[in-house]
mmCIF file of all heavy atoms, coordinates in Angstrom:
data_MODEL
# 
_entry.id   MODEL 
# 
loop_
_atom_site.group_PDB 
_atom_site.id 
_atom_site.type_symbol 
_atom_site.label_atom_id 
_atom_site.label_alt_id 
_atom_site.label_comp_id 
_atom_site.label_asym_id 
_atom_site.label_entity_id 
_atom_site.label_seq_id 
_atom_site.pdbx_PDB_ins_code 
_atom_site.Cartn_x 
_atom_site.Cartn_y 
_atom_site.Cartn_z 
_atom_site.occupancy 
_atom_site.B_iso_or_equiv 
_atom_site.pdbx_formal_charge 
_atom_site.auth_seq_id 
_atom_site.auth_comp_id 
_atom_site.auth_asym_id 
_atom_site.auth_atom_id 
_atom_site.pdbx_PDB_model_num 
ATOM 1   N N   . ILE A 1 1  ? 246.073 -50.767 -102.195 1.00 0.00 ? 1  ILE A N   1 
ATOM 2   C CA  . ILE A 1 1  ? 246.378 -49.891 -101.070 1.00 0.00 ? 1  ILE A CA  1 
ATOM 3   C C   . ILE A 1 1  ? 247.848 -49.486 -101.124 1.00 0.00 ? 1  ILE A C   1 
ATOM 4   O O   . ILE A 1 1  ? 248.198 -48.353 -100.825 1.00 0.00 ? 1  ILE A O   1 
ATOM 5   C CB  . ILE A 1 1  ? 245.974 -50.466 -99.688  1.00 0.00 ? 1  ILE A CB  1 
ATOM 6   C CG1 . ILE A 1 1  ? 245.822 -49.300 -98.701  1.00 0.00 ? 1  ILE A CG1 1 
ATOM 7   C CG2 . ILE A 1 1  ? 246.958 -51.510 -99.179  1.00 0.00 ? 1  ILE A CG2 1 
ATOM 8   C CD1 . ILE A 1 1  ? 244.877 -49.526 -97.566  1.00 0.00 ? 1  ILE A CD1 1 
ATOM 9   N N   . CYS A 1 2  ? 248.704 -50.393 -101.574 1.00 0.00 ? 2  CYS A N   1 
ATOM 10  C CA  . CYS A 1 2  ? 250.131 -50.054 -101.733 1.00 0.00 ? 2  CYS A CA  1 
ATOM 11  C C   . CYS A 1 2  ? 250.289 -48.911 -102.731 1.00 0.00 ? 2  CYS A C   1 
ATOM 12  O O   . CYS A 1 2  ? 251.016 -47.953 -102.486 1.00 0.00 ? 2  CYS A O   1 
ATOM 13  C CB  . CYS A 1 2  ? 250.925 -51.273 -102.204 1.00 0.00 ? 2  CYS A CB  1 
ATOM 14  S SG  . CYS A 1 2  ? 251.043 -52.592 -100.974 1.00 0.00 ? 2  CYS A SG  1 
ATOM 15  N N   . GLU A 1 3  ? 249.582 -49.018 -103.851 1.00 0.00 ? 3  GLU A N   1 
ATOM 16  C CA  . GLU A 1 3  ? 249.632 -47.975 -104.879 1.00 0.00 ? 3  GLU A CA  1 
ATOM 17  C C   . GLU A 1 3  ? 249.191 -46.625 -104.311 1.00 0.00 ? 3  GLU A C   1 
ATOM 18  O O   . GLU A 1 3  ? 249.776 -45.594 -104.598 1.00 0.00 ? 3  GLU A O   1 
ATOM 19  C CB  . GLU A 1 3  ? 248.671 -48.316 -106.033 1.00 0.00 ? 3  GLU A CB  1 
ATOM 20  C CG  . GLU A 1 3  ? 249.071 -49.504 -106.862 1.00 0.00 ? 3  GLU A CG  1 
ATOM 21  C CD  . GLU A 1 3  ? 250.173 -49.181 -107.845 1.00 0.00 ? 3  GLU A CD  1 
ATOM 22  O OE1 . GLU A 1 3  ? 249.894 -48.454 -108.806 1.00 0.00 ? 3  GLU A OE1 1 
ATOM 23  O OE2 . GLU A 1 3  ? 251.310 -49.635 -107.635 1.00 0.00 ? 3  GLU A OE2 1 
ATOM 24  N N   . LEU A 1 4  ? 248.121 -46.664 -103.530 1.00 0.00 ? 4  LEU A N   1 
ATOM 25  C CA  . LEU A 1 4  ? 247.510 -45.427 -103.045 1.00 0.00 ? 4  LEU A CA  1 
ATOM 26  C C   . LEU A 1 4  ? 248.326 -44.721 -101.967 1.00 0.00 ? 4  LEU A C   1 
ATOM 27  O O   . LEU A 1 4  ? 248.193 -43.517 -101.795 1.00 0.00 ? 4  LEU A O   1 
ATOM 28  C CB  . LEU A 1 4  ? 246.100 -45.699 -102.507 1.00 0.00 ? 4  LEU A CB  1 
ATOM 29  C CG  . LEU A 1 4  ? 245.043 -46.092 -103.540 1.00 0.00 ? 4  LEU A CG  1 
ATOM 30  C CD1 . LEU A 1 4  ? 243.738 -46.454 -102.862 1.00 0.00 ? 4  LEU A CD1 1 
ATOM 31  C CD2 . LEU A 1 4  ? 244.814 -44.982 -104.559 1.00 0.00 ? 4  LEU A CD2 1 
ATOM 32  N N   . VAL A 1 5  ? 249.145 -45.458 -101.221 1.00 0.00 ? 5  VAL A N   1 
ATOM 33  C CA  . VAL A 1 5  ? 249.839 -44.814 -100.102 1.00 0.00 ? 5  VAL A CA  1 
ATOM 34  C C   . VAL A 1 5  ? 251.328 -44.580 -100.332 1.00 0.00 ? 5  VAL A C   1 
ATOM 35  O O   . VAL A 1 5  ? 251.964 -43.883 -99.556  1.00 0.00 ? 5  VAL A O   1 
ATOM 36  C CB  . VAL A 1 5  ? 249.645 -45.588 -98.765  1.00 0.00 ? 5  VAL A CB  1 
ATOM 37  C CG1 . VAL A 1 5  ? 248.166 -45.695 -98.438  1.00 0.00 ? 5  VAL A CG1 1 
ATOM 38  C CG2 . VAL A 1 5  ? 250.313 -46.942 -98.782  1.00 0.00 ? 5  VAL A CG2 1 
ATOM 39  N N   . LYS A 1 6  ? 251.867 -45.148 -101.403 1.00 0.00 ? 6  LYS A N   1 
ATOM 40  C CA  . LYS A 1 6  ? 253.295 -44.958 -101.665 1.00 0.00 ? 6  LYS A CA  1 
ATOM 41  C C   . LYS A 1 6  ? 253.606 -43.470 -101.816 1.00 0.00 ? 6  LYS A C   1 
ATOM 42  O O   . LYS A 1 6  ? 252.884 -42.750 -102.491 1.00 0.00 ? 6  LYS A O   1 
ATOM 43  C CB  . LYS A 1 6  ? 253.699 -45.725 -102.929 1.00 0.00 ? 6  LYS A CB  1 
ATOM 44  C CG  . LYS A 1 6  ? 255.158 -46.145 -102.914 1.00 0.00 ? 6  LYS A CG  1 
ATOM 45  C CD  . LYS A 1 6  ? 255.520 -46.954 -104.133 1.00 0.00 ? 6  LYS A CD  1 
ATOM 46  C CE  . LYS A 1 6  ? 255.224 -48.428 -103.917 1.00 0.00 ? 6  LYS A CE  1 
ATOM 47  N NZ  . LYS A 1 6  ? 255.574 -49.248 -105.069 1.00 0.00 ? 6  LYS A NZ  1 
ATOM 48  N N   . ASN A 1 7  ? 254.677 -43.028 -101.164 1.00 0.00 ? 7  ASN A N   1 
ATOM 49  C CA  . ASN A 1 7  ? 255.132 -41.625 -101.163 1.00 0.00 ? 7  ASN A CA  1 
ATOM 50  C C   . ASN A 1 7  ? 254.229 -40.658 -100.399 1.00 0.00 ? 7  ASN A C   1 
ATOM 51  O O   . ASN A 1 7  ? 254.413 -39.456 -100.484 1.00 0.00 ? 7  ASN A O   1 
ATOM 52  C CB  . ASN A 1 7  ? 255.360 -41.103 -102.591 1.00 0.00 ? 7  ASN A CB  1 
ATOM 53  C CG  . ASN A 1 7  ? 256.459 -41.896 -103.269 1.00 0.00 ? 7  ASN A CG  1 
ATOM 54  O OD1 . ASN A 1 7  ? 257.496 -42.173 -102.670 1.00 0.00 ? 7  ASN A OD1 1 
ATOM 55  N ND2 . ASN A 1 7  ? 256.231 -42.293 -104.503 1.00 0.00 ? 7  ASN A ND2 1 
ATOM 56  N N   . LYS A 1 8  ? 253.257 -41.182 -99.676  1.00 0.00 ? 8  LYS A N   1 
ATOM 57  C CA  . LYS A 1 8  ? 252.422 -40.326 -98.836  1.00 0.00 ? 8  LYS A CA  1 
ATOM 58  C C   . LYS A 1 8  ? 253.021 -40.286 -97.429  1.00 0.00 ? 8  LYS A C   1 
ATOM 59  O O   . LYS A 1 8  ? 253.763 -41.178 -97.047  1.00 0.00 ? 8  LYS A O   1 
ATOM 60  C CB  . LYS A 1 8  ? 251.003 -40.898 -98.748  1.00 0.00 ? 8  LYS A CB  1 
ATOM 61  C CG  . LYS A 1 8  ? 250.144 -40.586 -99.956  1.00 0.00 ? 8  LYS A CG  1 
ATOM 62  C CD  . LYS A 1 8  ? 248.690 -40.967 -99.656  1.00 0.00 ? 8  LYS A CD  1 
ATOM 63  C CE  . LYS A 1 8  ? 247.670 -40.378 -100.568 1.00 0.00 ? 8  LYS A CE  1 
ATOM 64  N NZ  . LYS A 1 8  ? 247.884 -40.374 -101.958 1.00 0.00 ? 8  LYS A NZ  1 
ATOM 65  N N   . THR A 1 9  ? 252.677 -39.241 -96.665  1.00 0.00 ? 9  THR A N   1 
ATOM 66  C CA  . THR A 1 9  ? 253.104 -39.216 -95.269  1.00 0.00 ? 9  THR A CA  1 
ATOM 67  C C   . THR A 1 9  ? 252.306 -40.297 -94.542  1.00 0.00 ? 9  THR A C   1 
ATOM 68  O O   . THR A 1 9  ? 251.257 -40.749 -95.039  1.00 0.00 ? 9  THR A O   1 
ATOM 69  C CB  . THR A 1 9  ? 252.821 -37.850 -94.597  1.00 0.00 ? 9  THR A CB  1 
ATOM 70  O OG1 . THR A 1 9  ? 251.410 -37.683 -94.488  1.00 0.00 ? 9  THR A OG1 1 
ATOM 71  C CG2 . THR A 1 9  ? 253.439 -36.697 -95.363  1.00 0.00 ? 9  THR A CG2 1 
ATOM 72  N N   . LEU A 1 10 ? 252.778 -40.672 -93.359  1.00 0.00 ? 10 LEU A N   1 
ATOM 73  C CA  . LEU A 1 10 ? 252.082 -41.716 -92.602  1.00 0.00 ? 10 LEU A CA  1 
ATOM 74  C C   . LEU A 1 10 ? 250.640 -41.313 -92.305  1.00 0.00 ? 10 LEU A C   1 
ATOM 75  O O   . LEU A 1 10 ? 249.730 -42.125 -92.434  1.00 0.00 ? 10 LEU A O   1 
ATOM 76  C CB  . LEU A 1 10 ? 252.831 -42.024 -91.300  1.00 0.00 ? 10 LEU A CB  1 
ATOM 77  C CG  . LEU A 1 10 ? 254.235 -42.611 -91.475  1.00 0.00 ? 10 LEU A CG  1 
ATOM 78  C CD1 . LEU A 1 10 ? 254.851 -42.901 -90.118  1.00 0.00 ? 10 LEU A CD1 1 
ATOM 79  C CD2 . LEU A 1 10 ? 254.228 -43.871 -92.325  1.00 0.00 ? 10 LEU A CD2 1 
ATOM 80  N N   . ASP A 1 11 ? 250.442 -40.057 -91.935  1.00 0.00 ? 11 ASP A N   1 
ATOM 81  C CA  . ASP A 1 11 ? 249.077 -39.616 -91.620  1.00 0.00 ? 11 ASP A CA  1 
ATOM 82  C C   . ASP A 1 11 ? 248.177 -39.585 -92.861  1.00 0.00 ? 11 ASP A C   1 
ATOM 83  O O   . ASP A 1 11 ? 247.007 -39.950 -92.793  1.00 0.00 ? 11 ASP A O   1 
ATOM 84  C CB  . ASP A 1 11 ? 249.086 -38.246 -90.932  1.00 0.00 ? 11 ASP A CB  1 
ATOM 85  C CG  . ASP A 1 11 ? 249.642 -38.349 -89.505  1.00 0.00 ? 11 ASP A CG  1 
ATOM 86  O OD1 . ASP A 1 11 ? 249.487 -39.426 -88.883  1.00 0.00 ? 11 ASP A OD1 1 
ATOM 87  O OD2 . ASP A 1 11 ? 250.233 -37.380 -89.025  1.00 0.00 ? 11 ASP A OD2 1 
ATOM 88  N N   . GLU A 1 12 ? 248.745 -39.155 -93.988  1.00 0.00 ? 12 GLU A N   1 
ATOM 89  C CA  . GLU A 1 12 ? 247.962 -39.177 -95.243  1.00 0.00 ? 12 GLU A CA  1 
ATOM 90  C C   . GLU A 1 12 ? 247.587 -40.619 -95.573  1.00 0.00 ? 12 GLU A C   1 
ATOM 91  O O   . GLU A 1 12 ? 246.464 -40.900 -95.977  1.00 0.00 ? 12 GLU A O   1 
ATOM 92  C CB  . GLU A 1 12 ? 248.786 -38.611 -96.407  1.00 0.00 ? 12 GLU A CB  1 
ATOM 93  C CG  . GLU A 1 12 ? 248.931 -37.109 -96.415  1.00 0.00 ? 12 GLU A CG  1 
ATOM 94  C CD  . GLU A 1 12 ? 249.970 -36.620 -97.432  1.00 0.00 ? 12 GLU A CD  1 
ATOM 95  O OE1 . GLU A 1 12 ? 250.779 -37.428 -97.955  1.00 0.00 ? 12 GLU A OE1 1 
ATOM 96  O OE2 . GLU A 1 12 ? 249.975 -35.410 -97.690  1.00 0.00 ? 12 GLU A OE2 1 
ATOM 97  N N   . ALA A 1 13 ? 248.553 -41.516 -95.398  1.00 0.00 ? 13 ALA A N   1 
ATOM 98  C CA  . ALA A 1 13 ? 248.318 -42.925 -95.710  1.00 0.00 ? 13 ALA A CA  1 
ATOM 99  C C   . ALA A 1 13 ? 247.194 -43.492 -94.843  1.00 0.00 ? 13 ALA A C   1 
ATOM 100 O O   . ALA A 1 13 ? 246.329 -44.219 -95.327  1.00 0.00 ? 13 ALA A O   1 
ATOM 101 C CB  . ALA A 1 13 ? 249.594 -43.731 -95.510  1.00 0.00 ? 13 ALA A CB  1 
ATOM 102 N N   . LEU A 1 14 ? 247.203 -43.106 -93.561  1.00 0.00 ? 14 LEU A N   1 
ATOM 103 C CA  . LEU A 1 14 ? 246.156 -43.598 -92.657  1.00 0.00 ? 14 LEU A CA  1 
ATOM 104 C C   . LEU A 1 14 ? 244.780 -43.044 -93.016  1.00 0.00 ? 14 LEU A C   1 
ATOM 105 O O   . LEU A 1 14 ? 243.764 -43.596 -92.625  1.00 0.00 ? 14 LEU A O   1 
ATOM 106 C CB  . LEU A 1 14 ? 246.509 -43.259 -91.198  1.00 0.00 ? 14 LEU A CB  1 
ATOM 107 C CG  . LEU A 1 14 ? 247.677 -44.039 -90.611  1.00 0.00 ? 14 LEU A CG  1 
ATOM 108 C CD1 . LEU A 1 14 ? 248.015 -43.529 -89.222  1.00 0.00 ? 14 LEU A CD1 1 
ATOM 109 C CD2 . LEU A 1 14 ? 247.396 -45.539 -90.577  1.00 0.00 ? 14 LEU A CD2 1 
ATOM 110 N N   . GLY A 1 15 ? 244.763 -41.966 -93.783  1.00 0.00 ? 15 GLY A N   1 
ATOM 111 C CA  . GLY A 1 15 ? 243.504 -41.391 -94.226  1.00 0.00 ? 15 GLY A CA  1 
ATOM 112 C C   . GLY A 1 15 ? 242.887 -42.129 -95.401  1.00 0.00 ? 15 GLY A C   1 
ATOM 113 O O   . GLY A 1 15 ? 241.738 -41.885 -95.779  1.00 0.00 ? 15 GLY A O   1 
ATOM 114 N N   . VAL A 1 16 ? 243.640 -43.038 -95.996  1.00 0.00 ? 16 VAL A N   1 
ATOM 115 C CA  . VAL A 1 16 ? 243.124 -43.823 -97.127  1.00 0.00 ? 16 VAL A CA  1 
ATOM 116 C C   . VAL A 1 16 ? 242.259 -44.940 -96.558  1.00 0.00 ? 16 VAL A C   1 
ATOM 117 O O   . VAL A 1 16 ? 242.734 -45.783 -95.813  1.00 0.00 ? 16 VAL A O   1 
ATOM 118 C CB  . VAL A 1 16 ? 244.281 -44.410 -97.981  1.00 0.00 ? 16 VAL A CB  1 
ATOM 119 C CG1 . VAL A 1 16 ? 243.734 -45.352 -99.046  1.00 0.00 ? 16 VAL A CG1 1 
ATOM 120 C CG2 . VAL A 1 16 ? 245.077 -43.296 -98.632  1.00 0.00 ? 16 VAL A CG2 1 
ATOM 121 N N   . GLY A 1 17 ? 240.990 -44.901 -96.907  1.00 0.00 ? 17 GLY A N   1 
ATOM 122 C CA  . GLY A 1 17 ? 240.053 -45.877 -96.348  1.00 0.00 ? 17 GLY A CA  1 
ATOM 123 C C   . GLY A 1 17 ? 239.705 -46.984 -97.321  1.00 0.00 ? 17 GLY A C   1 
ATOM 124 O O   . GLY A 1 17 ? 240.069 -46.944 -98.500  1.00 0.00 ? 17 GLY A O   1 
ATOM 125 N N   . PHE A 1 18 ? 238.991 -47.967 -96.807  1.00 0.00 ? 18 PHE A N   1 
ATOM 126 C CA  . PHE A 1 18 ? 238.625 -49.111 -97.652  1.00 0.00 ? 18 PHE A CA  1 
ATOM 127 C C   . PHE A 1 18 ? 237.721 -48.700 -98.802  1.00 0.00 ? 18 PHE A C   1 
ATOM 128 O O   . PHE A 1 18 ? 237.743 -49.302 -99.871  1.00 0.00 ? 18 PHE A O   1 
ATOM 129 C CB  . PHE A 1 18 ? 238.008 -50.235 -96.814  1.00 0.00 ? 18 PHE A CB  1 
ATOM 130 C CG  . PHE A 1 18 ? 236.645 -49.948 -96.259  1.00 0.00 ? 18 PHE A CG  1 
ATOM 131 C CD1 . PHE A 1 18 ? 235.508 -50.383 -96.924  1.00 0.00 ? 18 PHE A CD1 1 
ATOM 132 C CD2 . PHE A 1 18 ? 236.497 -49.262 -95.063  1.00 0.00 ? 18 PHE A CD2 1 
ATOM 133 C CE1 . PHE A 1 18 ? 234.248 -50.127 -96.407  1.00 0.00 ? 18 PHE A CE1 1 
ATOM 134 C CE2 . PHE A 1 18 ? 235.230 -49.011 -94.537  1.00 0.00 ? 18 PHE A CE2 1 
ATOM 135 C CZ  . PHE A 1 18 ? 234.103 -49.441 -95.219  1.00 0.00 ? 18 PHE A CZ  1 
ATOM 136 N N   . LYS A 1 19 ? 236.964 -47.608 -98.625  1.00 0.00 ? 19 LYS A N   1 
ATOM 137 C CA  . LYS A 1 19 ? 236.095 -47.146 -99.717  1.00 0.00 ? 19 LYS A CA  1 
ATOM 138 C C   . LYS A 1 19 ? 236.936 -46.581 -100.860 1.00 0.00 ? 19 LYS A C   1 
ATOM 139 O O   . LYS A 1 19 ? 236.583 -46.726 -102.024 1.00 0.00 ? 19 LYS A O   1 
ATOM 140 C CB  . LYS A 1 19 ? 235.108 -46.097 -99.208  1.00 0.00 ? 19 LYS A CB  1 
ATOM 141 C CG  . LYS A 1 19 ? 234.021 -46.706 -98.351  1.00 0.00 ? 19 LYS A CG  1 
ATOM 142 C CD  . LYS A 1 19 ? 233.024 -45.681 -97.884  1.00 0.00 ? 19 LYS A CD  1 
ATOM 143 C CE  . LYS A 1 19 ? 231.914 -46.334 -97.083  1.00 0.00 ? 19 LYS A CE  1 
ATOM 144 N NZ  . LYS A 1 19 ? 231.438 -45.477 -96.011  1.00 0.00 ? 19 LYS A NZ  1 
ATOM 145 N N   . ASP A 1 20 ? 238.058 -45.934 -100.502 1.00 0.00 ? 20 ASP A N   1 
ATOM 146 C CA  . ASP A 1 20 ? 238.978 -45.418 -101.534 1.00 0.00 ? 20 ASP A CA  1 
ATOM 147 C C   . ASP A 1 20 ? 239.554 -46.579 -102.335 1.00 0.00 ? 20 ASP A C   1 
ATOM 148 O O   . ASP A 1 20 ? 239.658 -46.531 -103.557 1.00 0.00 ? 20 ASP A O   1 
ATOM 149 C CB  . ASP A 1 20 ? 240.149 -44.645 -100.892 1.00 0.00 ? 20 ASP A CB  1 
ATOM 150 C CG  . ASP A 1 20 ? 239.656 -43.488 -100.029 1.00 0.00 ? 20 ASP A CG  1 
ATOM 151 O OD1 . ASP A 1 20 ? 238.810 -42.717 -100.510 1.00 0.00 ? 20 ASP A OD1 1 
ATOM 152 O OD2 . ASP A 1 20 ? 240.128 -43.364 -98.887  1.00 0.00 ? 20 ASP A OD2 1 
ATOM 153 N N   . VAL A 1 21 ? 239.947 -47.618 -101.607 1.00 0.00 ? 21 VAL A N   1 
ATOM 154 C CA  . VAL A 1 21 ? 240.544 -48.798 -102.247 1.00 0.00 ? 21 VAL A CA  1 
ATOM 155 C C   . VAL A 1 21 ? 239.530 -49.442 -103.187 1.00 0.00 ? 21 VAL A C   1 
ATOM 156 O O   . VAL A 1 21 ? 239.815 -49.695 -104.362 1.00 0.00 ? 21 VAL A O   1 
ATOM 157 C CB  . VAL A 1 21 ? 241.014 -49.822 -101.175 1.00 0.00 ? 21 VAL A CB  1 
ATOM 158 C CG1 . VAL A 1 21 ? 241.485 -51.117 -101.826 1.00 0.00 ? 21 VAL A CG1 1 
ATOM 159 C CG2 . VAL A 1 21 ? 242.130 -49.224 -100.318 1.00 0.00 ? 21 VAL A CG2 1 
ATOM 160 N N   . ALA A 1 22 ? 238.333 -49.668 -102.680 1.00 0.00 ? 22 ALA A N   1 
ATOM 161 C CA  . ALA A 1 22 ? 237.280 -50.297 -103.498 1.00 0.00 ? 22 ALA A CA  1 
ATOM 162 C C   . ALA A 1 22 ? 236.935 -49.407 -104.687 1.00 0.00 ? 22 ALA A C   1 
ATOM 163 O O   . ALA A 1 22 ? 236.790 -49.883 -105.813 1.00 0.00 ? 22 ALA A O   1 
ATOM 164 C CB  . ALA A 1 22 ? 236.045 -50.557 -102.645 1.00 0.00 ? 22 ALA A CB  1 
ATOM 165 N N   . GLY A 1 23 ? 236.842 -48.098 -104.446 1.00 0.00 ? 23 GLY A N   1 
ATOM 166 C CA  . GLY A 1 23 ? 236.500 -47.155 -105.512 1.00 0.00 ? 23 GLY A CA  1 
ATOM 167 C C   . GLY A 1 23 ? 237.538 -47.147 -106.615 1.00 0.00 ? 23 GLY A C   1 
ATOM 168 O O   . GLY A 1 23 ? 237.203 -47.147 -107.799 1.00 0.00 ? 23 GLY A O   1 
ATOM 169 N N   . GLU A 1 24 ? 238.801 -47.168 -106.222 1.00 0.00 ? 24 GLU A N   1 
ATOM 170 C CA  . GLU A 1 24 ? 239.895 -47.178 -107.211 1.00 0.00 ? 24 GLU A CA  1 
ATOM 171 C C   . GLU A 1 24 ? 239.863 -48.436 -108.065 1.00 0.00 ? 24 GLU A C   1 
ATOM 172 O O   . GLU A 1 24 ? 240.293 -48.438 -109.197 1.00 0.00 ? 24 GLU A O   1 
ATOM 173 C CB  . GLU A 1 24 ? 241.256 -47.114 -106.507 1.00 0.00 ? 24 GLU A CB  1 
ATOM 174 C CG  . GLU A 1 24 ? 241.769 -45.733 -106.225 1.00 0.00 ? 24 GLU A CG  1 
ATOM 175 C CD  . GLU A 1 24 ? 241.956 -44.859 -107.454 1.00 0.00 ? 24 GLU A CD  1 
ATOM 176 O OE1 . GLU A 1 24 ? 242.503 -45.331 -108.478 1.00 0.00 ? 24 GLU A OE1 1 
ATOM 177 O OE2 . GLU A 1 24 ? 241.559 -43.698 -107.407 1.00 0.00 ? 24 GLU A OE2 1 
ATOM 178 N N   . LEU A 1 25 ? 239.382 -49.517 -107.466 1.00 0.00 ? 25 LEU A N   1 
ATOM 179 C CA  . LEU A 1 25 ? 239.336 -50.784 -108.202 1.00 0.00 ? 25 LEU A CA  1 
ATOM 180 C C   . LEU A 1 25 ? 238.097 -50.875 -109.092 1.00 0.00 ? 25 LEU A C   1 
ATOM 181 O O   . LEU A 1 25 ? 237.912 -51.851 -109.795 1.00 0.00 ? 25 LEU A O   1 
ATOM 182 C CB  . LEU A 1 25 ? 239.375 -51.967 -107.233 1.00 0.00 ? 25 LEU A CB  1 
ATOM 183 C CG  . LEU A 1 25 ? 240.755 -52.224 -106.613 1.00 0.00 ? 25 LEU A CG  1 
ATOM 184 C CD1 . LEU A 1 25 ? 240.629 -53.191 -105.448 1.00 0.00 ? 25 LEU A CD1 1 
ATOM 185 C CD2 . LEU A 1 25 ? 241.757 -52.730 -107.634 1.00 0.00 ? 25 LEU A CD2 1 
ATOM 186 N N   . GLY A 1 26 ? 237.283 -49.853 -109.054 1.00 0.00 ? 26 GLY A N   1 
ATOM 187 C CA  . GLY A 1 26 ? 236.104 -49.853 -109.923 1.00 0.00 ? 26 GLY A CA  1 
ATOM 188 C C   . GLY A 1 26 ? 235.035 -50.781 -109.404 1.00 0.00 ? 26 GLY A C   1 
ATOM 189 O O   . GLY A 1 26 ? 234.477 -51.568 -110.164 1.00 0.00 ? 26 GLY A O   1 
ATOM 190 N N   . SER A 1 27 ? 234.788 -50.727 -108.116 1.00 0.00 ? 27 SER A N   1 
ATOM 191 C CA  . SER A 1 27 ? 233.753 -51.499 -107.428 1.00 0.00 ? 27 SER A CA  1 
ATOM 192 C C   . SER A 1 27 ? 234.162 -52.939 -107.161 1.00 0.00 ? 27 SER A C   1 
ATOM 193 O O   . SER A 1 27 ? 234.789 -53.597 -107.980 1.00 0.00 ? 27 SER A O   1 
ATOM 194 C CB  . SER A 1 27 ? 232.406 -51.473 -108.171 1.00 0.00 ? 27 SER A CB  1 
ATOM 195 O OG  . SER A 1 27 ? 232.382 -52.452 -109.179 1.00 0.00 ? 27 SER A OG  1 
ATOM 196 N N   . LEU A 1 28 ? 233.784 -53.361 -105.985 1.00 0.00 ? 28 LEU A N   1 
ATOM 197 C CA  . LEU A 1 28 ? 234.005 -54.745 -105.563 1.00 0.00 ? 28 LEU A CA  1 
ATOM 198 C C   . LEU A 1 28 ? 232.639 -55.349 -105.290 1.00 0.00 ? 28 LEU A C   1 
ATOM 199 O O   . LEU A 1 28 ? 231.731 -54.645 -104.853 1.00 0.00 ? 28 LEU A O   1 
ATOM 200 C CB  . LEU A 1 28 ? 234.794 -54.762 -104.251 1.00 0.00 ? 28 LEU A CB  1 
ATOM 201 C CG  . LEU A 1 28 ? 236.298 -54.592 -104.300 1.00 0.00 ? 28 LEU A CG  1 
ATOM 202 C CD1 . LEU A 1 28 ? 236.842 -54.428 -102.881 1.00 0.00 ? 28 LEU A CD1 1 
ATOM 203 C CD2 . LEU A 1 28 ? 236.978 -55.758 -104.983 1.00 0.00 ? 28 LEU A CD2 1 
ATOM 204 N N   . PRO A 1 29 ? 232.495 -56.647 -105.515 1.00 0.00 ? 29 PRO A N   1 
ATOM 205 C CA  . PRO A 1 29 ? 231.229 -57.275 -105.140 1.00 0.00 ? 29 PRO A CA  1 
ATOM 206 C C   . PRO A 1 29 ? 231.005 -57.066 -103.633 1.00 0.00 ? 29 PRO A C   1 
ATOM 207 O O   . PRO A 1 29 ? 231.970 -57.133 -102.867 1.00 0.00 ? 29 PRO A O   1 
ATOM 208 C CB  . PRO A 1 29 ? 231.461 -58.757 -105.461 1.00 0.00 ? 29 PRO A CB  1 
ATOM 209 C CG  . PRO A 1 29 ? 232.626 -58.787 -106.387 1.00 0.00 ? 29 PRO A CG  1 
ATOM 210 C CD  . PRO A 1 29 ? 233.451 -57.594 -106.076 1.00 0.00 ? 29 PRO A CD  1 
# 
C-alpha cells in the first residue's frame, strides 16, 4: 500500500482499495 500511494494526492490515495493491494501482490490466499 505504501508503494501504491507514494506521490499520490490524499484523495487518490484513499481511492486505493484492498483489492488493488491484493491484485498488485498477485493474489492473496
